[in-house]
């Protein structure tokens, strides 16, 4: 299945707007039958990215706890031993060629829907 990428930091949004966009995208792609999405949230190099990343990761944990998403992993944790990585690749082999994952980019995450 094709990898979907959404960018919640580039629109110069507030944290609340970025999280709202993410939630809309999760609903949309789940309805569309997708299993994996890459979310670009930034990591704080220009100020606001760090706040978006922190709120995003908290929201993902909440969604996982409520069984709305299956799991998530920040790309800087994309290691061979990580179980979430193996599950994500099983759903979306395109992840193997993703440059941001190969570089362990802390400004994006993978969400398993």
C-alpha atoms as a PDB file:
ATOM      1  CA  UNK A   1       0.000   0.000   0.000  1.00  0.00           C
ATOM      2  CA  UNK A   2       1.197   3.507  -0.825  1.00  0.00           C
ATOM      3  CA  UNK A   3       2.693   5.666   1.929  1.00  0.00           C
ATOM      4  CA  UNK A   4       0.626   8.748   2.730  1.00  0.00           C
ATOM      5  CA  UNK A   5       2.507  11.808   4.017  1.00  0.00           C
ATOM      6  CA  UNK A   6       0.890  14.754   5.760  1.00  0.00           C
ATOM      7  CA  UNK A   7       2.624  17.920   6.928  1.00  0.00           C
ATOM      8  CA  UNK A   8       1.172  19.539  10.034  1.00  0.00           C
ATOM      9  CA  UNK A   9       3.988  22.022  10.626  1.00  0.00           C
ATOM     10  CA  UNK A  10       4.495  23.809   7.318  1.00  0.00           C
ATOM     11  CA  UNK A  11       1.240  25.714   7.288  1.00  0.00           C
ATOM     12  CA  UNK A  12       2.417  27.958  10.152  1.00  0.00           C
ATOM     13  CA  UNK A  13      -0.421  26.599  12.245  1.00  0.00           C
ATOM     14  CA  UNK A  14      -0.896  26.817  15.970  1.00  0.00           C
ATOM     15  CA  UNK A  15      -0.464  23.620  17.942  1.00  0.00           C
ATOM     16  CA  UNK A  16      -4.257  23.239  18.204  1.00  0.00           C
ATOM     17  CA  UNK A  17      -4.686  23.722  14.432  1.00  0.00           C
ATOM     18  CA  UNK A  18      -1.947  21.186  13.672  1.00  0.00           C
ATOM     19  CA  UNK A  19      -3.501  18.559  15.949  1.00  0.00           C
ATOM     20  CA  UNK A  20      -6.951  19.221  14.500  1.00  0.00           C
ATOM     21  CA  UNK A  21      -5.557  18.726  10.980  1.00  0.00           C
ATOM     22  CA  UNK A  22      -3.919  15.462  12.071  1.00  0.00           C
ATOM     23  CA  UNK A  23      -7.192  14.151  13.522  1.00  0.00           C
ATOM     24  CA  UNK A  24      -9.096  14.961  10.322  1.00  0.00           C
ATOM     25  CA  UNK A  25      -6.415  13.174   8.271  1.00  0.00           C
ATOM     26  CA  UNK A  26      -6.516  10.102  10.533  1.00  0.00           C
ATOM     27  CA  UNK A  27     -10.285   9.795  10.075  1.00  0.00           C
ATOM     28  CA  UNK A  28     -10.061  10.371   6.342  1.00  0.00           C
ATOM     29  CA  UNK A  29      -7.304   7.838   5.686  1.00  0.00           C
ATOM     30  CA  UNK A  30      -8.818   5.200   7.957  1.00  0.00           C
ATOM     31  CA  UNK A  31     -12.087   5.498   6.038  1.00  0.00           C
ATOM     32  CA  UNK A  32     -10.074   5.253   2.818  1.00  0.00           C
ATOM     33  CA  UNK A  33      -8.572   1.945   3.940  1.00  0.00           C
ATOM     34  CA  UNK A  34      -5.003   3.142   4.447  1.00  0.00           C
ATOM     35  CA  UNK A  35      -2.929   1.549   7.217  1.00  0.00           C
ATOM     36  CA  UNK A  36       0.173   3.764   7.497  1.00  0.00           C
ATOM     37  CA  UNK A  37       0.811   7.505   7.355  1.00  0.00           C
ATOM     38  CA  UNK A  38       3.936   9.572   7.774  1.00  0.00           C
ATOM     39  CA  UNK A  39       3.377  12.809   9.679  1.00  0.00           C
ATOM     40  CA  UNK A  40       5.816  15.695   9.397  1.00  0.00           C
ATOM     41  CA  UNK A  41       5.555  17.584  12.675  1.00  0.00           C
ATOM     42  CA  UNK A  42       8.946  19.272  12.986  1.00  0.00           C
ATOM     43  CA  UNK A  43      11.250  18.995  15.946  1.00  0.00           C
ATOM     44  CA  UNK A  44      11.709  22.543  17.147  1.00  0.00           C
ATOM     45  CA  UNK A  45      14.565  23.923  15.073  1.00  0.00           C
ATOM     46  CA  UNK A  46      12.506  27.049  14.310  1.00  0.00           C
ATOM     47  CA  UNK A  47      10.565  27.295  17.561  1.00  0.00           C
ATOM     48  CA  UNK A  48       6.997  26.055  17.031  1.00  0.00           C
ATOM     49  CA  UNK A  49       7.929  22.594  15.703  1.00  0.00           C
ATOM     50  CA  UNK A  50       8.897  21.372  19.145  1.00  0.00           C
ATOM     51  CA  UNK A  51       5.509  22.297  20.597  1.00  0.00           C
ATOM     52  CA  UNK A  52       3.683  20.600  17.719  1.00  0.00           C
ATOM     53  CA  UNK A  53       5.819  17.470  18.066  1.00  0.00           C
ATOM     54  CA  UNK A  54       5.198  17.242  21.795  1.00  0.00           C
ATOM     55  CA  UNK A  55       1.429  17.701  21.414  1.00  0.00           C
ATOM     56  CA  UNK A  56       1.368  15.289  18.461  1.00  0.00           C
ATOM     57  CA  UNK A  57       3.116  12.530  20.414  1.00  0.00           C
ATOM     58  CA  UNK A  58       0.760  13.003  23.377  1.00  0.00           C
ATOM     59  CA  UNK A  59      -2.243  12.854  21.047  1.00  0.00           C
ATOM     60  CA  UNK A  60      -0.909   9.696  19.389  1.00  0.00           C
ATOM     61  CA  UNK A  61      -0.524   8.017  22.778  1.00  0.00           C
ATOM     62  CA  UNK A  62      -4.094   9.013  23.630  1.00  0.00           C
ATOM     63  CA  UNK A  63      -5.383   7.668  20.293  1.00  0.00           C
ATOM     64  CA  UNK A  64      -3.467   4.426  20.806  1.00  0.00           C
ATOM     65  CA  UNK A  65      -4.846   4.039  24.327  1.00  0.00           C
ATOM     66  CA  UNK A  66      -8.362   4.557  22.964  1.00  0.00           C
ATOM     67  CA  UNK A  67      -7.665   2.061  20.125  1.00  0.00           C
ATOM     68  CA  UNK A  68      -8.258   4.679  17.415  1.00  0.00           C
ATOM     69  CA  UNK A  69      -4.785   4.058  15.980  1.00  0.00           C
ATOM     70  CA  UNK A  70      -2.829   0.836  16.236  1.00  0.00           C
ATOM     71  CA  UNK A  71       0.551   2.389  17.085  1.00  0.00           C
ATOM     72  CA  UNK A  72       3.079   5.106  16.245  1.00  0.00           C
ATOM     73  CA  UNK A  73       6.813   5.672  16.200  1.00  0.00           C
ATOM     74  CA  UNK A  74       8.916   8.811  15.938  1.00  0.00           C
ATOM     75  CA  UNK A  75      11.333   8.366  13.043  1.00  0.00           C
ATOM     76  CA  UNK A  76      14.387   8.890  15.248  1.00  0.00           C
ATOM     77  CA  UNK A  77      13.435   5.572  16.927  1.00  0.00           C
ATOM     78  CA  UNK A  78      13.281   3.706  13.580  1.00  0.00           C
ATOM     79  CA  UNK A  79      15.721   0.924  14.517  1.00  0.00           C
ATOM     80  CA  UNK A  80      15.972  -2.703  13.476  1.00  0.00           C
ATOM     81  CA  UNK A  81      14.848  -3.886  16.916  1.00  0.00           C
ATOM     82  CA  UNK A  82      11.704  -1.753  17.028  1.00  0.00           C
ATOM     83  CA  UNK A  83       8.537  -3.868  16.772  1.00  0.00           C
ATOM     84  CA  UNK A  84       6.454  -0.936  15.463  1.00  0.00           C
ATOM     85  CA  UNK A  85       8.876  -0.610  12.536  1.00  0.00           C
ATOM     86  CA  UNK A  86       8.348  -4.249  11.583  1.00  0.00           C
ATOM     87  CA  UNK A  87       4.558  -3.918  11.735  1.00  0.00           C
ATOM     88  CA  UNK A  88       4.597  -0.701   9.688  1.00  0.00           C
ATOM     89  CA  UNK A  89       6.812  -2.217   6.977  1.00  0.00           C
ATOM     90  CA  UNK A  90       4.521  -5.235   6.803  1.00  0.00           C
ATOM     91  CA  UNK A  91       1.607  -2.900   6.016  1.00  0.00           C
ATOM     92  CA  UNK A  92       3.605  -0.542   3.787  1.00  0.00           C
ATOM     93  CA  UNK A  93       6.834  -1.837   2.202  1.00  0.00           C
ATOM     94  CA  UNK A  94       7.364   1.641   0.647  1.00  0.00           C
ATOM     95  CA  UNK A  95       8.732   2.652   4.060  1.00  0.00           C
ATOM     96  CA  UNK A  96      11.945   0.798   3.279  1.00  0.00           C
ATOM     97  CA  UNK A  97      12.837   3.421   0.642  1.00  0.00           C
ATOM     98  CA  UNK A  98      11.869   6.500   2.669  1.00  0.00           C
ATOM     99  CA  UNK A  99      14.874   8.824   3.059  1.00  0.00           C
ATOM    100  CA  UNK A 100      13.640  10.521   6.228  1.00  0.00           C
ATOM    101  CA  UNK A 101      13.380   7.162   7.939  1.00  0.00           C
ATOM    102  CA  UNK A 102      16.829   6.151   6.758  1.00  0.00           C
ATOM    103  CA  UNK A 103      18.186   9.400   8.259  1.00  0.00           C
ATOM    104  CA  UNK A 104      16.241   8.878  11.539  1.00  0.00           C
ATOM    105  CA  UNK A 105      14.655  12.318  11.114  1.00  0.00           C
ATOM    106  CA  UNK A 106      13.259  13.468  14.500  1.00  0.00           C
ATOM    107  CA  UNK A 107      10.847  15.814  12.731  1.00  0.00           C
ATOM    108  CA  UNK A 108       8.466  13.124  11.518  1.00  0.00           C
ATOM    109  CA  UNK A 109       6.659  10.052  12.787  1.00  0.00           C
ATOM    110  CA  UNK A 110       4.952   6.979  11.397  1.00  0.00           C
ATOM    111  CA  UNK A 111       1.374   6.273  12.489  1.00  0.00           C
ATOM    112  CA  UNK A 112      -0.191   2.855  12.007  1.00  0.00           C
ATOM    113  CA  UNK A 113      -3.892   3.342  11.521  1.00  0.00           C
END
